[in-house]
C-alpha atoms as a PDB file:
ATOM      1  CA  MET A   1      89.515 117.197 113.081  1.00  0.00           C
ATOM      2  CA  GLN A   2      90.822 115.597 116.095  1.00  0.00           C
ATOM      3  CA  THR A   3      92.917 112.349 115.566  1.00  0.00           C
ATOM      4  CA  GLU A   4      92.731 109.371 118.120  1.00  0.00           C
ATOM      5  CA  LYS A   5      95.946 108.706 119.817  1.00  0.00           C
ATOM      6  CA  ILE A   6      97.229 105.162 119.534  1.00  0.00           C
ATOM      7  CA  VAL A   7      99.551 103.651 122.175  1.00  0.00           C
ATOM      8  CA  TYR A   8     102.840 102.132 121.182  1.00  0.00           C
ATOM      9  CA  SER A   9     102.081  98.869 123.048  1.00  0.00           C
ATOM     10  CA  ASN A  10      98.698  98.454 121.072  1.00  0.00           C
ATOM     11  CA  LEU A  11     100.709  98.396 117.826  1.00  0.00           C
ATOM     12  CA  LEU A  12     103.240  95.810 118.743  1.00  0.00           C
ATOM     13  CA  GLY A  13     102.387  92.258 117.337  1.00  0.00           C
ATOM     14  CA  LYS A  14      99.525  93.760 114.828  1.00  0.00           C
ATOM     15  CA  MET A  15      99.761  92.253 111.549  1.00  0.00           C
ATOM     16  CA  ILE A  16     100.582  94.379 108.502  1.00  0.00           C
ATOM     17  CA  VAL A  17      98.795  93.885 105.173  1.00  0.00           C
ATOM     18  CA  THR A  18      98.696  95.775 102.075  1.00  0.00           C
ATOM     19  CA  LYS A  19      95.419  97.253 100.857  1.00  0.00           C
ATOM     20  CA  GLU A  20      95.157  94.452  98.203  1.00  0.00           C
ATOM     21  CA  GLY A  21      95.195  91.999 101.260  1.00  0.00           C
ATOM     22  CA  LYS A  22      98.624  90.672 100.850  1.00  0.00           C
ATOM     23  CA  ARG A  23     100.172  89.883 104.274  1.00  0.00           C
ATOM     24  CA  LEU A  24     103.664  91.196 105.223  1.00  0.00           C
ATOM     25  CA  GLY A  25     104.213  90.262 108.869  1.00  0.00           C
ATOM     26  CA  PHE A  26     103.736  91.474 112.319  1.00  0.00           C
ATOM     27  CA  ILE A  27     105.076  94.503 113.945  1.00  0.00           C
ATOM     28  CA  LYS A  28     108.160  93.901 116.236  1.00  0.00           C
ATOM     29  CA  ASP A  29     109.201  97.528 117.029  1.00  0.00           C
ATOM     30  CA  ILE A  30     108.854 101.107 115.783  1.00  0.00           C
ATOM     31  CA  THR A  31     111.617 103.480 115.041  1.00  0.00           C
ATOM     32  CA  PHE A  32     111.324 107.131 115.746  1.00  0.00           C
ATOM     33  CA  GLU A  33     113.331 110.492 115.756  1.00  0.00           C
ATOM     34  CA  THR A  34     114.156 110.968 119.307  1.00  0.00           C
ATOM     35  CA  LYS A  35     114.264 114.810 119.111  1.00  0.00           C
ATOM     36  CA  SER A  36     110.874 115.419 117.316  1.00  0.00           C
ATOM     37  CA  GLY A  37     109.069 112.132 118.315  1.00  0.00           C
ATOM     38  CA  GLU A  38     108.385 111.699 114.580  1.00  0.00           C
ATOM     39  CA  LEU A  39     107.661 108.009 113.618  1.00  0.00           C
ATOM     40  CA  ILE A  40     109.855 106.702 110.866  1.00  0.00           C
ATOM     41  CA  ASN A  41     109.626 102.864 110.357  1.00  0.00           C
ATOM     42  CA  MET A  42     107.862  99.900 111.660  1.00  0.00           C
ATOM     43  CA  VAL A  43     110.194  96.864 112.168  1.00  0.00           C
ATOM     44  CA  LEU A  44     108.863  93.499 110.907  1.00  0.00           C
ATOM     45  CA  LYS A  45     108.992  90.065 112.577  1.00  0.00           C
ATOM     46  CA  ASP A  46     107.505  86.934 111.093  1.00  0.00           C
ATOM     47  CA  VAL A  47     107.903  88.108 107.484  1.00  0.00           C
ATOM     48  CA  THR A  48     105.877  86.256 104.728  1.00  0.00           C
ATOM     49  CA  PRO A  49     107.521  85.245 101.455  1.00  0.00           C
ATOM     50  CA  TYR A  50     105.639  88.104  99.555  1.00  0.00           C
ATOM     51  CA  THR A  51     108.074  90.755 101.230  1.00  0.00           C
ATOM     52  CA  ARG A  52     110.833  89.359  98.808  1.00  0.00           C
ATOM     53  CA  ASN A  53     108.764  91.057  96.042  1.00  0.00           C
ATOM     54  CA  LEU A  54     109.060  94.404  97.623  1.00  0.00           C
ATOM     55  CA  ASN A  55     112.182  96.789  97.999  1.00  0.00           C
ATOM     56  CA  LEU A  56     112.244  97.087 101.595  1.00  0.00           C
ATOM     57  CA  GLU A  57     115.001  98.897 103.674  1.00  0.00           C
ATOM     58  CA  LYS A  58     116.608  96.629 106.192  1.00  0.00           C
ATOM     59  CA  THR A  59     118.193  97.216 109.633  1.00  0.00           C
ATOM     60  CA  SER A  60     121.904  96.407 110.384  1.00  0.00           C
ATOM     61  CA  LEU A  61     120.529  93.022 111.780  1.00  0.00           C
ATOM     62  CA  GLY A  62     118.829  92.368 108.340  1.00  0.00           C
ATOM     63  CA  GLU A  63     115.261  93.086 109.887  1.00  0.00           C
ATOM     64  CA  LEU A  64     112.832  94.545 107.271  1.00  0.00           C
ATOM     65  CA  LEU A  65     111.440  98.139 107.652  1.00  0.00           C
ATOM     66  CA  ILE A  66     108.034  99.442 106.571  1.00  0.00           C
ATOM     67  CA  PRO A  67     107.993 103.383 106.313  1.00  0.00           C
ATOM     68  CA  TYR A  68     105.583 104.803 108.884  1.00  0.00           C
ATOM     69  CA  ASN A  69     104.320 107.120 106.084  1.00  0.00           C
ATOM     70  CA  SER A  70     102.924 104.117 104.025  1.00  0.00           C
ATOM     71  CA  ILE A  71     100.174 103.459 106.640  1.00  0.00           C
ATOM     72  CA  ILE A  72      96.665 103.898 105.292  1.00  0.00           C
ATOM     73  CA  ALA A  73      94.512 102.827 108.299  1.00  0.00           C
ATOM     74  CA  ILE A  74      95.054 101.091 111.627  1.00  0.00           C
ATOM     75  CA  GLY A  75      92.604  98.761 113.085  1.00  0.00           C
ATOM     76  CA  ASP A  76      92.560  95.172 113.619  1.00  0.00           C
ATOM     77  CA  PHE A  77      95.251  95.254 111.126  1.00  0.00           C
ATOM     78  CA  ILE A  78      97.668  97.843 109.934  1.00  0.00           C
ATOM     79  CA  ILE A  79      97.007  98.676 106.196  1.00  0.00           C
ATOM     80  CA  VAL A  80      99.605  99.999 104.233  1.00  0.00           C
ATOM     81  CA  SER A  81      99.979 101.211 100.477  1.00  0.00           C
ATOM     82  CA  GLU A  82     102.093  98.869  98.520  1.00  0.00           C
ATOM     83  CA  GLU A  83     102.925 101.565  96.123  1.00  0.00           C
ATOM     84  CA  ASP A  84     104.765 103.387  98.774  1.00  0.00           C
ATOM     85  CA  LEU A  85     106.824 100.236  99.343  1.00  0.00           C
ATOM     86  CA  LEU A  86     108.071  99.542  95.809  1.00  0.00           C
END
């Protein structure tokens, strides 16, 4: 099965929602491992109050991080599994 490649710039600004429909915010940036190219986290901007209910990791600047492995689907929105965020 061949997977479709997604360009970095196409992800920036996309809204992140849980599969239950809760809005979390928008993608500001993506962190990755420089040697392997493995995607690690998505950095959020314009976070919603709902993110306070989640135990999300933060950057040194206090920005919230969503683990890349929590992504279920990418389309008009990025859908993540809330269970992976708790």
